[in-house]
Amino acid sequence: MRGLSVGVLLVVTTLLFGWPTSDAVHAADYVFPFDGGRVFFGNDDDGVAANLDHVRDAFLAALIPETVSVQDFDDVPEATVPTTPPGTIVDFPGRDATVEIVSLANEWTQIRGYHSPDLYPISEPHFLVSSILGASHHHFFTLDFSSPQYAFGFYGRDIDEVTVTTAGNRDAVELRYVNATQPAPLDDILLHKLDILQDMEGLAPADGNAVFWGVISETEFNRIKFTTPHGGSEAIGIDDMIIGQPIPEPSTLILSCVLAGIGIAYARYRRRRS
């Protein structure tokens, strides 16, 4: 059963020598695993987004290139995002996918140009900016995708809320799944709540900082909610949103190869028997 031997050899070789990986993706100190996926994160206190391109590149290297699409808001007209559905809908070029933006803020969420010295586009002329006022308000906006996703990334500005340094109590991204096929009310399931500044425990990034943040999830999601822990006066901006299909993890590839080897061996065995 030569095919089976090939599959077993692949597993043994991988266990002994490891799966070939990109050091930029799997060995970098800006890639953080969590139970159910990986986060790619970088912060620049001077607000220079170009200093974070290596983090973005590592995130992109983990995606299948032909599935990647970027929405940079540059061709989206300036507008105030509605606070109730239907929201502002933007597409991802080259992909059969759109995202509906709905403001949850007490104040406003807008697609616009320059806002302040701390809040301005990563790529000119437009970006998405959201502000809240009031201690009882904790949500900026949601992104509702027209189809389930496994990966999402973006550049952010002025995401610096670390006044509470306990994990789970800073500006965060919530990955959620909404079962839109069932009758209302929709079952909005929280899959993961991830700190945007999750590698800066105990540190206070500067006002006007720039971040790149990306997530690859093992579980599909179709809603993202941006939240903040304790309300007050807070504003954030995001730009250059990225979606794409992740490259299969080594364990998935190994299993596929093993199953293929077993299938080939079994087919040959059946032919010999007949």
C-alpha atoms as a PDB file:
ATOM      1  CA  MET A   1       0.000   0.000   0.000  1.00  0.00           C
ATOM      2  CA  ARG A   2       2.450   2.579  -1.283  1.00  0.00           C
ATOM      3  CA  GLY A   3      -0.033   5.469  -1.174  1.00  0.00           C
ATOM      4  CA  LEU A   4      -0.644   4.879   2.511  1.00  0.00           C
ATOM      5  CA  SER A   5       3.096   4.741   3.112  1.00  0.00           C
ATOM      6  CA  VAL A   6       3.504   8.134   1.459  1.00  0.00           C
ATOM      7  CA  GLY A   7       0.861   9.653   3.748  1.00  0.00           C
ATOM      8  CA  VAL A   8       2.436   8.132   6.862  1.00  0.00           C
ATOM      9  CA  LEU A   9       5.893   9.274   5.714  1.00  0.00           C
ATOM     10  CA  LEU A  10       4.598  12.830   5.352  1.00  0.00           C
ATOM     11  CA  VAL A  11       3.246  12.799   8.905  1.00  0.00           C
ATOM     12  CA  VAL A  12       6.449  11.323  10.344  1.00  0.00           C
ATOM     13  CA  THR A  13       8.636  13.781   8.429  1.00  0.00           C
ATOM     14  CA  THR A  14       6.536  16.713   9.630  1.00  0.00           C
ATOM     15  CA  LEU A  15       6.683  15.568  13.231  1.00  0.00           C
ATOM     16  CA  LEU A  16      10.471  15.149  13.046  1.00  0.00           C
ATOM     17  CA  PHE A  17      11.451  18.233  11.079  1.00  0.00           C
ATOM     18  CA  GLY A  18       8.421  20.533  11.346  1.00  0.00           C
ATOM     19  CA  TRP A  19       6.159  21.986   8.704  1.00  0.00           C
ATOM     20  CA  PRO A  20       7.801  24.570   6.410  1.00  0.00           C
ATOM     21  CA  THR A  21       6.513  27.955   7.570  1.00  0.00           C
ATOM     22  CA  SER A  22       7.155  31.611   6.906  1.00  0.00           C
ATOM     23  CA  ASP A  23       9.189  33.115   9.750  1.00  0.00           C
ATOM     24  CA  ALA A  24       7.423  36.429   9.121  1.00  0.00           C
ATOM     25  CA  VAL A  25       4.089  34.870   9.981  1.00  0.00           C
ATOM     26  CA  HIS A  26       4.726  32.152  12.544  1.00  0.00           C
ATOM     27  CA  ALA A  27       7.810  33.244  14.452  1.00  0.00           C
ATOM     28  CA  ALA A  28       7.241  36.990  14.754  1.00  0.00           C
ATOM     29  CA  ASP A  29       6.575  38.564  18.135  1.00  0.00           C
ATOM     30  CA  TYR A  30       3.639  40.485  16.683  1.00  0.00           C
ATOM     31  CA  VAL A  31       1.585  37.354  16.030  1.00  0.00           C
ATOM     32  CA  PHE A  32      -0.409  36.210  19.045  1.00  0.00           C
ATOM     33  CA  PRO A  33      -2.361  32.958  19.232  1.00  0.00           C
ATOM     34  CA  PHE A  34      -5.648  32.724  21.069  1.00  0.00           C
ATOM     35  CA  ASP A  35      -8.004  29.820  21.620  1.00  0.00           C
ATOM     36  CA  GLY A  36      -9.535  29.690  18.177  1.00  0.00           C
ATOM     37  CA  GLY A  37      -7.181  31.673  15.978  1.00  0.00           C
ATOM     38  CA  ARG A  38      -4.382  34.221  15.653  1.00  0.00           C
ATOM     39  CA  VAL A  39      -4.110  37.991  16.041  1.00  0.00           C
ATOM     40  CA  PHE A  40      -1.602  40.128  14.120  1.00  0.00           C
ATOM     41  CA  PHE A  41      -0.882  43.388  15.940  1.00  0.00           C
ATOM     42  CA  GLY A  42       1.420  46.386  15.734  1.00  0.00           C
ATOM     43  CA  ASN A  43       1.386  49.878  17.292  1.00  0.00           C
ATOM     44  CA  ASP A  44       3.230  53.068  16.361  1.00  0.00           C
ATOM     45  CA  ASP A  45       2.973  55.922  18.866  1.00  0.00           C
ATOM     46  CA  ASP A  46       3.996  58.463  16.246  1.00  0.00           C
ATOM     47  CA  GLY A  47       1.027  57.554  14.073  1.00  0.00           C
ATOM     48  CA  VAL A  48       3.200  56.432  11.150  1.00  0.00           C
ATOM     49  CA  ALA A  49       1.217  53.664   9.500  1.00  0.00           C
ATOM     50  CA  ALA A  50       4.108  52.696   7.211  1.00  0.00           C
ATOM     51  CA  ASN A  51       5.986  51.478  10.295  1.00  0.00           C
ATOM     52  CA  LEU A  52       3.313  48.781  10.636  1.00  0.00           C
ATOM     53  CA  ASP A  53       3.416  47.492   7.075  1.00  0.00           C
ATOM     54  CA  HIS A  54       5.492  44.474   8.138  1.00  0.00           C
ATOM     55  CA  VAL A  55       2.618  43.384  10.401  1.00  0.00           C
ATOM     56  CA  ARG A  56       0.129  43.863   7.568  1.00  0.00           C
ATOM     57  CA  ASP A  57       2.427  41.888   5.259  1.00  0.00           C
ATOM     58  CA  ALA A  58       2.579  39.025   7.753  1.00  0.00           C
ATOM     59  CA  PHE A  59      -1.208  39.008   7.911  1.00  0.00           C
ATOM     60  CA  LEU A  60      -1.463  39.027   4.106  1.00  0.00           C
ATOM     61  CA  ALA A  61       1.078  36.211   3.875  1.00  0.00           C
ATOM     62  CA  ALA A  62      -1.353  34.033   5.850  1.00  0.00           C
ATOM     63  CA  LEU A  63      -4.122  34.594   3.269  1.00  0.00           C
ATOM     64  CA  ILE A  64      -4.650  33.110  -0.184  1.00  0.00           C
ATOM     65  CA  PRO A  65      -3.568  36.023  -2.429  1.00  0.00           C
ATOM     66  CA  GLU A  66      -6.362  35.806  -4.988  1.00  0.00           C
ATOM     67  CA  THR A  67      -8.996  36.021  -2.225  1.00  0.00           C
ATOM     68  CA  VAL A  68      -7.665  39.235  -0.658  1.00  0.00           C
ATOM     69  CA  SER A  69      -9.665  42.456  -1.022  1.00  0.00           C
ATOM     70  CA  VAL A  70      -9.207  45.886   0.568  1.00  0.00           C
ATOM     71  CA  GLN A  71     -11.841  48.534   1.233  1.00  0.00           C
ATOM     72  CA  ASP A  72     -10.042  51.844   1.826  1.00  0.00           C
ATOM     73  CA  PHE A  73     -13.135  54.124   1.702  1.00  0.00           C
ATOM     74  CA  ASP A  74     -11.394  56.328  -0.873  1.00  0.00           C
ATOM     75  CA  ASP A  75     -14.203  55.936  -3.411  1.00  0.00           C
ATOM     76  CA  VAL A  76     -16.965  56.000  -0.797  1.00  0.00           C
ATOM     77  CA  PRO A  77     -18.761  59.356  -0.506  1.00  0.00           C
ATOM     78  CA  GLU A  78     -18.631  61.164   2.804  1.00  0.00           C
ATOM     79  CA  ALA A  79     -21.670  60.248   4.858  1.00  0.00           C
ATOM     80  CA  THR A  80     -23.020  59.870   8.380  1.00  0.00           C
ATOM     81  CA  VAL A  81     -23.624  56.219   9.195  1.00  0.00           C
ATOM     82  CA  PRO A  82     -27.211  55.434  10.277  1.00  0.00           C
ATOM     83  CA  THR A  83     -27.826  54.263  13.827  1.00  0.00           C
ATOM     84  CA  THR A  84     -30.371  51.653  12.702  1.00  0.00           C
ATOM     85  CA  PRO A  85     -30.380  49.205   9.782  1.00  0.00           C
ATOM     86  CA  PRO A  86     -30.094  49.559   6.896  1.00  0.00           C
ATOM     87  CA  GLY A  87     -26.692  51.089   7.479  1.00  0.00           C
ATOM     88  CA  THR A  88     -24.023  52.285   5.076  1.00  0.00           C
ATOM     89  CA  ILE A  89     -23.117  49.431   2.721  1.00  0.00           C
ATOM     90  CA  VAL A  90     -19.682  49.247   1.097  1.00  0.00           C
ATOM     91  CA  ASP A  91     -18.224  46.488  -1.045  1.00  0.00           C
ATOM     92  CA  PHE A  92     -14.883  44.730  -1.256  1.00  0.00           C
ATOM     93  CA  PRO A  93     -13.482  45.088  -4.799  1.00  0.00           C
ATOM     94  CA  GLY A  94     -13.168  41.829  -6.690  1.00  0.00           C
ATOM     95  CA  ARG A  95     -15.065  39.855  -4.078  1.00  0.00           C
ATOM     96  CA  ASP A  96     -18.713  38.917  -3.882  1.00  0.00           C
ATOM     97  CA  ALA A  97     -18.907  40.432  -0.409  1.00  0.00           C
ATOM     98  CA  THR A  98     -20.232  43.615   1.136  1.00  0.00           C
ATOM     99  CA  VAL A  99     -20.270  44.973   4.662  1.00  0.00           C
ATOM    100  CA  GLU A 100     -23.059  46.979   6.275  1.00  0.00           C
ATOM    101  CA  ILE A 101     -21.866  49.560   8.792  1.00  0.00           C
ATOM    102  CA  VAL A 102     -24.334  50.477  11.544  1.00  0.00           C
ATOM    103  CA  SER A 103     -23.457  53.112  14.141  1.00  0.00           C
ATOM    104  CA  LEU A 104     -24.057  52.166  17.768  1.00  0.00           C
ATOM    105  CA  ALA A 105     -22.578  55.364  19.099  1.00  0.00           C
ATOM    106  CA  ASN A 106     -24.287  57.932  21.277  1.00  0.00           C
ATOM    107  CA  GLU A 107     -22.664  60.627  19.146  1.00  0.00           C
ATOM    108  CA  TRP A 108     -21.863  59.649  15.541  1.00  0.00           C
ATOM    109  CA  THR A 109     -20.031  57.442  13.069  1.00  0.00           C
ATOM    110  CA  GLN A 110     -18.992  58.936   9.750  1.00  0.00           C
ATOM    111  CA  ILE A 111     -17.114  58.231   6.552  1.00  0.00           C
ATOM    112  CA  ARG A 112     -15.123  61.404   6.080  1.00  0.00           C
ATOM    113  CA  GLY A 113     -11.764  63.024   5.502  1.00  0.00           C
ATOM    114  CA  TYR A 114      -9.478  64.741   8.004  1.00  0.00           C
ATOM    115  CA  HIS A 115     -11.089  65.033  11.444  1.00  0.00           C
ATOM    116  CA  SER A 116      -8.372  66.151  13.891  1.00  0.00           C
ATOM    117  CA  PRO A 117      -4.590  65.985  14.418  1.00  0.00           C
ATOM    118  CA  ASP A 118      -5.098  62.547  15.998  1.00  0.00           C
ATOM    119  CA  LEU A 119      -7.758  61.260  13.607  1.00  0.00           C
ATOM    120  CA  TYR A 120      -7.154  61.296   9.867  1.00  0.00           C
ATOM    121  CA  PRO A 121      -7.110  58.734   7.045  1.00  0.00           C
ATOM    122  CA  ILE A 122      -4.411  56.119   6.646  1.00  0.00           C
ATOM    123  CA  SER A 123      -4.916  56.374   2.891  1.00  0.00           C
ATOM    124  CA  GLU A 124      -6.397  59.622   1.575  1.00  0.00           C
ATOM    125  CA  PRO A 125      -8.992  60.920   1.244  1.00  0.00           C
ATOM    126  CA  HIS A 126     -11.502  59.048   3.453  1.00  0.00           C
ATOM    127  CA  PHE A 127     -11.697  56.783   6.490  1.00  0.00           C
ATOM    128  CA  LEU A 128     -14.280  55.608   9.034  1.00  0.00           C
ATOM    129  CA  VAL A 129     -14.367  57.554  12.311  1.00  0.00           C
ATOM    130  CA  SER A 130     -16.622  56.899  15.304  1.00  0.00           C
ATOM    131  CA  SER A 131     -17.127  58.853  18.510  1.00  0.00           C
ATOM    132  CA  ILE A 132     -19.115  58.230  21.680  1.00  0.00           C
ATOM    133  CA  LEU A 133     -20.119  60.580  24.477  1.00  0.00           C
ATOM    134  CA  GLY A 134     -21.464  59.325  27.767  1.00  0.00           C
ATOM    135  CA  ALA A 135     -20.290  56.807  30.337  1.00  0.00           C
ATOM    136  CA  SER A 136     -23.206  54.462  29.671  1.00  0.00           C
ATOM    137  CA  HIS A 137     -22.254  53.903  26.022  1.00  0.00           C
ATOM    138  CA  HIS A 138     -19.715  51.247  25.135  1.00  0.00           C
ATOM    139  CA  HIS A 139     -20.206  50.396  21.463  1.00  0.00           C
ATOM    140  CA  PHE A 140     -18.912  52.302  18.447  1.00  0.00           C
ATOM    141  CA  PHE A 141     -20.337  50.443  15.443  1.00  0.00           C
ATOM    142  CA  THR A 142     -20.887  47.031  13.914  1.00  0.00           C
ATOM    143  CA  LEU A 143     -19.758  45.573  10.611  1.00  0.00           C
ATOM    144  CA  ASP A 144     -22.211  43.058   9.184  1.00  0.00           C
ATOM    145  CA  PHE A 145     -20.786  40.979   6.343  1.00  0.00           C
ATOM    146  CA  SER A 146     -22.964  39.645   3.550  1.00  0.00           C
ATOM    147  CA  SER A 147     -21.136  36.306   3.734  1.00  0.00           C
ATOM    148  CA  PRO A 148     -19.238  34.538   6.551  1.00  0.00           C
ATOM    149  CA  GLN A 149     -15.565  35.434   6.971  1.00  0.00           C
ATOM    150  CA  TYR A 150     -12.552  33.819   8.607  1.00  0.00           C
ATOM    151  CA  ALA A 151     -10.109  36.744   8.379  1.00  0.00           C
ATOM    152  CA  PHE A 152     -10.358  40.500   8.877  1.00  0.00           C
ATOM    153  CA  GLY A 153      -7.730  43.215   9.259  1.00  0.00           C
ATOM    154  CA  PHE A 154      -7.548  47.007   9.395  1.00  0.00           C
ATOM    155  CA  TYR A 155      -5.408  50.027  10.213  1.00  0.00           C
ATOM    156  CA  GLY A 156      -6.616  52.105  13.149  1.00  0.00           C
ATOM    157  CA  ARG A 157      -5.991  55.578  14.530  1.00  0.00           C
ATOM    158  CA  ASP A 158      -6.125  56.862  18.097  1.00  0.00           C
ATOM    159  CA  ILE A 159      -6.995  53.458  19.536  1.00  0.00           C
ATOM    160  CA  ASP A 160      -5.352  54.113  22.864  1.00  0.00           C
ATOM    161  CA  GLU A 161      -7.855  53.175  25.582  1.00  0.00           C
ATOM    162  CA  VAL A 162      -5.833  51.331  28.220  1.00  0.00           C
ATOM    163  CA  THR A 163      -7.019  53.004  31.399  1.00  0.00           C
ATOM    164  CA  VAL A 164      -8.167  49.577  32.595  1.00  0.00           C
ATOM    165  CA  THR A 165      -5.378  47.105  31.929  1.00  0.00           C
ATOM    166  CA  THR A 166      -7.176  43.899  32.867  1.00  0.00           C
ATOM    167  CA  ALA A 167      -7.577  41.704  29.804  1.00  0.00           C
ATOM    168  CA  GLY A 168     -10.947  42.199  28.169  1.00  0.00           C
ATOM    169  CA  ASN A 169     -11.402  45.758  29.448  1.00  0.00           C
ATOM    170  CA  ARG A 170      -9.910  47.876  26.697  1.00  0.00           C
ATOM    171  CA  ASP A 171     -10.962  48.914  23.226  1.00  0.00           C
ATOM    172  CA  ALA A 172     -11.878  45.587  21.699  1.00  0.00           C
ATOM    173  CA  VAL A 173     -13.086  43.833  18.602  1.00  0.00           C
ATOM    174  CA  GLU A 174     -15.849  41.280  19.083  1.00  0.00           C
ATOM    175  CA  LEU A 175     -16.210  38.528  16.500  1.00  0.00           C
ATOM    176  CA  ARG A 176     -19.850  37.452  16.361  1.00  0.00           C
ATOM    177  CA  TYR A 177     -22.051  35.121  14.377  1.00  0.00           C
ATOM    178  CA  VAL A 178     -25.646  36.001  13.550  1.00  0.00           C
ATOM    179  CA  ASN A 179     -27.927  33.251  12.265  1.00  0.00           C
ATOM    180  CA  ALA A 180     -29.918  35.305   9.787  1.00  0.00           C
ATOM    181  CA  THR A 181     -31.981  32.301   8.652  1.00  0.00           C
ATOM    182  CA  GLN A 182     -33.919  32.021  11.894  1.00  0.00           C
ATOM    183  CA  PRO A 183     -36.885  34.190  12.905  1.00  0.00           C
ATOM    184  CA  ALA A 184     -36.253  37.352  14.914  1.00  0.00           C
ATOM    185  CA  PRO A 185     -34.773  37.994  17.366  1.00  0.00           C
ATOM    186  CA  LEU A 186     -31.544  36.939  15.704  1.00  0.00           C
ATOM    187  CA  ASP A 187     -29.175  34.738  17.674  1.00  0.00           C
ATOM    188  CA  ASP A 188     -26.169  37.048  18.010  1.00  0.00           C
ATOM    189  CA  ILE A 189     -23.439  34.759  19.336  1.00  0.00           C
ATOM    190  CA  LEU A 190     -20.210  36.213  20.754  1.00  0.00           C
ATOM    191  CA  LEU A 191     -17.394  34.004  19.431  1.00  0.00           C
ATOM    192  CA  HIS A 192     -14.339  35.933  20.640  1.00  0.00           C
ATOM    193  CA  LYS A 193     -13.685  39.253  22.352  1.00  0.00           C
ATOM    194  CA  LEU A 194     -10.177  40.406  21.554  1.00  0.00           C
ATOM    195  CA  ASP A 195      -8.313  43.429  22.916  1.00  0.00           C
ATOM    196  CA  ILE A 196      -7.022  45.609  20.113  1.00  0.00           C
ATOM    197  CA  LEU A 197      -4.071  46.597  22.318  1.00  0.00           C
ATOM    198  CA  GLN A 198      -3.594  43.103  23.649  1.00  0.00           C
ATOM    199  CA  ASP A 199       0.214  43.149  23.553  1.00  0.00           C
ATOM    200  CA  MET A 200       0.532  46.445  25.462  1.00  0.00           C
ATOM    201  CA  GLU A 201      -0.469  45.281  28.935  1.00  0.00           C
ATOM    202  CA  GLY A 202       0.347  48.016  31.425  1.00  0.00           C
ATOM    203  CA  LEU A 203       1.505  50.492  28.760  1.00  0.00           C
ATOM    204  CA  ALA A 204      -0.232  53.631  27.543  1.00  0.00           C
ATOM    205  CA  PRO A 205       0.107  54.304  23.811  1.00  0.00           C
ATOM    206  CA  ALA A 206       0.141  57.932  22.738  1.00  0.00           C
ATOM    207  CA  ASP A 207      -2.819  59.893  21.461  1.00  0.00           C
ATOM    208  CA  GLY A 208      -2.852  59.766  17.689  1.00  0.00           C
ATOM    209  CA  ASN A 209      -1.189  56.369  17.556  1.00  0.00           C
ATOM    210  CA  ALA A 210      -1.551  54.076  14.564  1.00  0.00           C
ATOM    211  CA  VAL A 211      -2.211  50.346  14.815  1.00  0.00           C
ATOM    212  CA  PHE A 212      -2.540  47.449  12.456  1.00  0.00           C
ATOM    213  CA  TRP A 213      -4.796  44.700  13.753  1.00  0.00           C
ATOM    214  CA  GLY A 214      -5.787  41.515  11.977  1.00  0.00           C
ATOM    215  CA  VAL A 215      -7.453  38.303  13.049  1.00  0.00           C
ATOM    216  CA  ILE A 216      -7.660  34.833  11.556  1.00  0.00           C
ATOM    217  CA  SER A 217     -10.387  32.773  13.179  1.00  0.00           C
ATOM    218  CA  GLU A 218     -10.958  29.040  13.029  1.00  0.00           C
ATOM    219  CA  THR A 219     -14.689  29.766  13.365  1.00  0.00           C
ATOM    220  CA  GLU A 220     -16.552  31.750  10.734  1.00  0.00           C
ATOM    221  CA  PHE A 221     -18.013  35.101  11.749  1.00  0.00           C
ATOM    222  CA  ASN A 222     -20.311  37.534   9.956  1.00  0.00           C
ATOM    223  CA  ARG A 223     -20.490  40.419  12.437  1.00  0.00           C
ATOM    224  CA  ILE A 224     -17.790  42.524  14.047  1.00  0.00           C
ATOM    225  CA  LYS A 225     -18.521  44.936  16.876  1.00  0.00           C
ATOM    226  CA  PHE A 226     -16.080  47.621  18.032  1.00  0.00           C
ATOM    227  CA  THR A 227     -16.424  48.283  21.752  1.00  0.00           C
ATOM    228  CA  THR A 228     -14.827  50.301  24.533  1.00  0.00           C
ATOM    229  CA  PRO A 229     -14.851  49.379  28.254  1.00  0.00           C
ATOM    230  CA  HIS A 230     -16.289  52.305  30.161  1.00  0.00           C
ATOM    231  CA  GLY A 231     -17.640  54.906  27.768  1.00  0.00           C
ATOM    232  CA  GLY A 232     -16.881  58.547  28.367  1.00  0.00           C
ATOM    233  CA  SER A 233     -15.504  60.670  25.525  1.00  0.00           C
ATOM    234  CA  GLU A 234     -13.718  58.436  23.057  1.00  0.00           C
ATOM    235  CA  ALA A 235     -13.158  58.422  19.309  1.00  0.00           C
ATOM    236  CA  ILE A 236     -11.415  55.963  17.000  1.00  0.00           C
ATOM    237  CA  GLY A 237     -10.758  55.700  13.285  1.00  0.00           C
ATOM    238  CA  ILE A 238     -10.265  52.702  11.007  1.00  0.00           C
ATOM    239  CA  ASP A 239      -9.139  52.442   7.401  1.00  0.00           C
ATOM    240  CA  ASP A 240      -7.979  49.943   4.772  1.00  0.00           C
ATOM    241  CA  MET A 241     -10.183  47.031   5.883  1.00  0.00           C
ATOM    242  CA  ILE A 242      -8.976  43.663   4.576  1.00  0.00           C
ATOM    243  CA  ILE A 243     -10.773  40.366   4.060  1.00  0.00           C
ATOM    244  CA  GLY A 244      -9.483  37.119   2.576  1.00  0.00           C
ATOM    245  CA  GLN A 245      -9.475  33.349   2.818  1.00  0.00           C
ATOM    246  CA  PRO A 246      -6.805  31.965   5.188  1.00  0.00           C
ATOM    247  CA  ILE A 247      -4.204  29.514   3.921  1.00  0.00           C
ATOM    248  CA  PRO A 248      -5.062  26.134   5.496  1.00  0.00           C
ATOM    249  CA  GLU A 249      -3.198  25.403   8.686  1.00  0.00           C
ATOM    250  CA  PRO A 250      -0.517  22.652   8.563  1.00  0.00           C
ATOM    251  CA  SER A 251      -2.701  20.261  10.560  1.00  0.00           C
ATOM    252  CA  THR A 252      -5.448  20.579   7.957  1.00  0.00           C
ATOM    253  CA  LEU A 253      -2.992  20.020   5.130  1.00  0.00           C
ATOM    254  CA  ILE A 254      -1.480  16.999   6.858  1.00  0.00           C
ATOM    255  CA  LEU A 255      -4.891  15.441   7.373  1.00  0.00           C
ATOM    256  CA  SER A 256      -5.785  16.094   3.728  1.00  0.00           C
ATOM    257  CA  CYS A 257      -2.558  14.452   2.555  1.00  0.00           C
ATOM    258  CA  VAL A 258      -3.048  11.461   4.834  1.00  0.00           C
ATOM    259  CA  LEU A 259      -6.618  10.985   3.651  1.00  0.00           C
ATOM    260  CA  ALA A 260      -5.506  11.342   0.041  1.00  0.00           C
ATOM    261  CA  GLY A 261      -2.772   8.764   0.590  1.00  0.00           C
ATOM    262  CA  ILE A 262      -5.212   6.345   2.175  1.00  0.00           C
ATOM    263  CA  GLY A 263      -7.663   6.905  -0.683  1.00  0.00           C
ATOM    264  CA  ILE A 264      -5.037   6.255  -3.337  1.00  0.00           C
ATOM    265  CA  ALA A 265      -3.822   3.139  -1.551  1.00  0.00           C
ATOM    266  CA  TYR A 266      -7.358   1.816  -1.158  1.00  0.00           C
ATOM    267  CA  ALA A 267      -8.132   2.431  -4.832  1.00  0.00           C
ATOM    268  CA  ARG A 268      -5.027   0.540  -5.880  1.00  0.00           C
ATOM    269  CA  TYR A 269      -5.887  -2.274  -3.500  1.00  0.00           C
ATOM    270  CA  ARG A 270      -9.391  -2.552  -4.998  1.00  0.00           C
ATOM    271  CA  ARG A 271      -7.972  -2.634  -8.519  1.00  0.00           C
ATOM    272  CA  ARG A 272      -5.597  -5.430  -7.620  1.00  0.00           C
ATOM    273  CA  ARG A 273      -8.412  -7.387  -5.973  1.00  0.00           C
ATOM    274  CA  SER A 274     -10.601  -7.061  -9.055  1.00  0.00           C
END
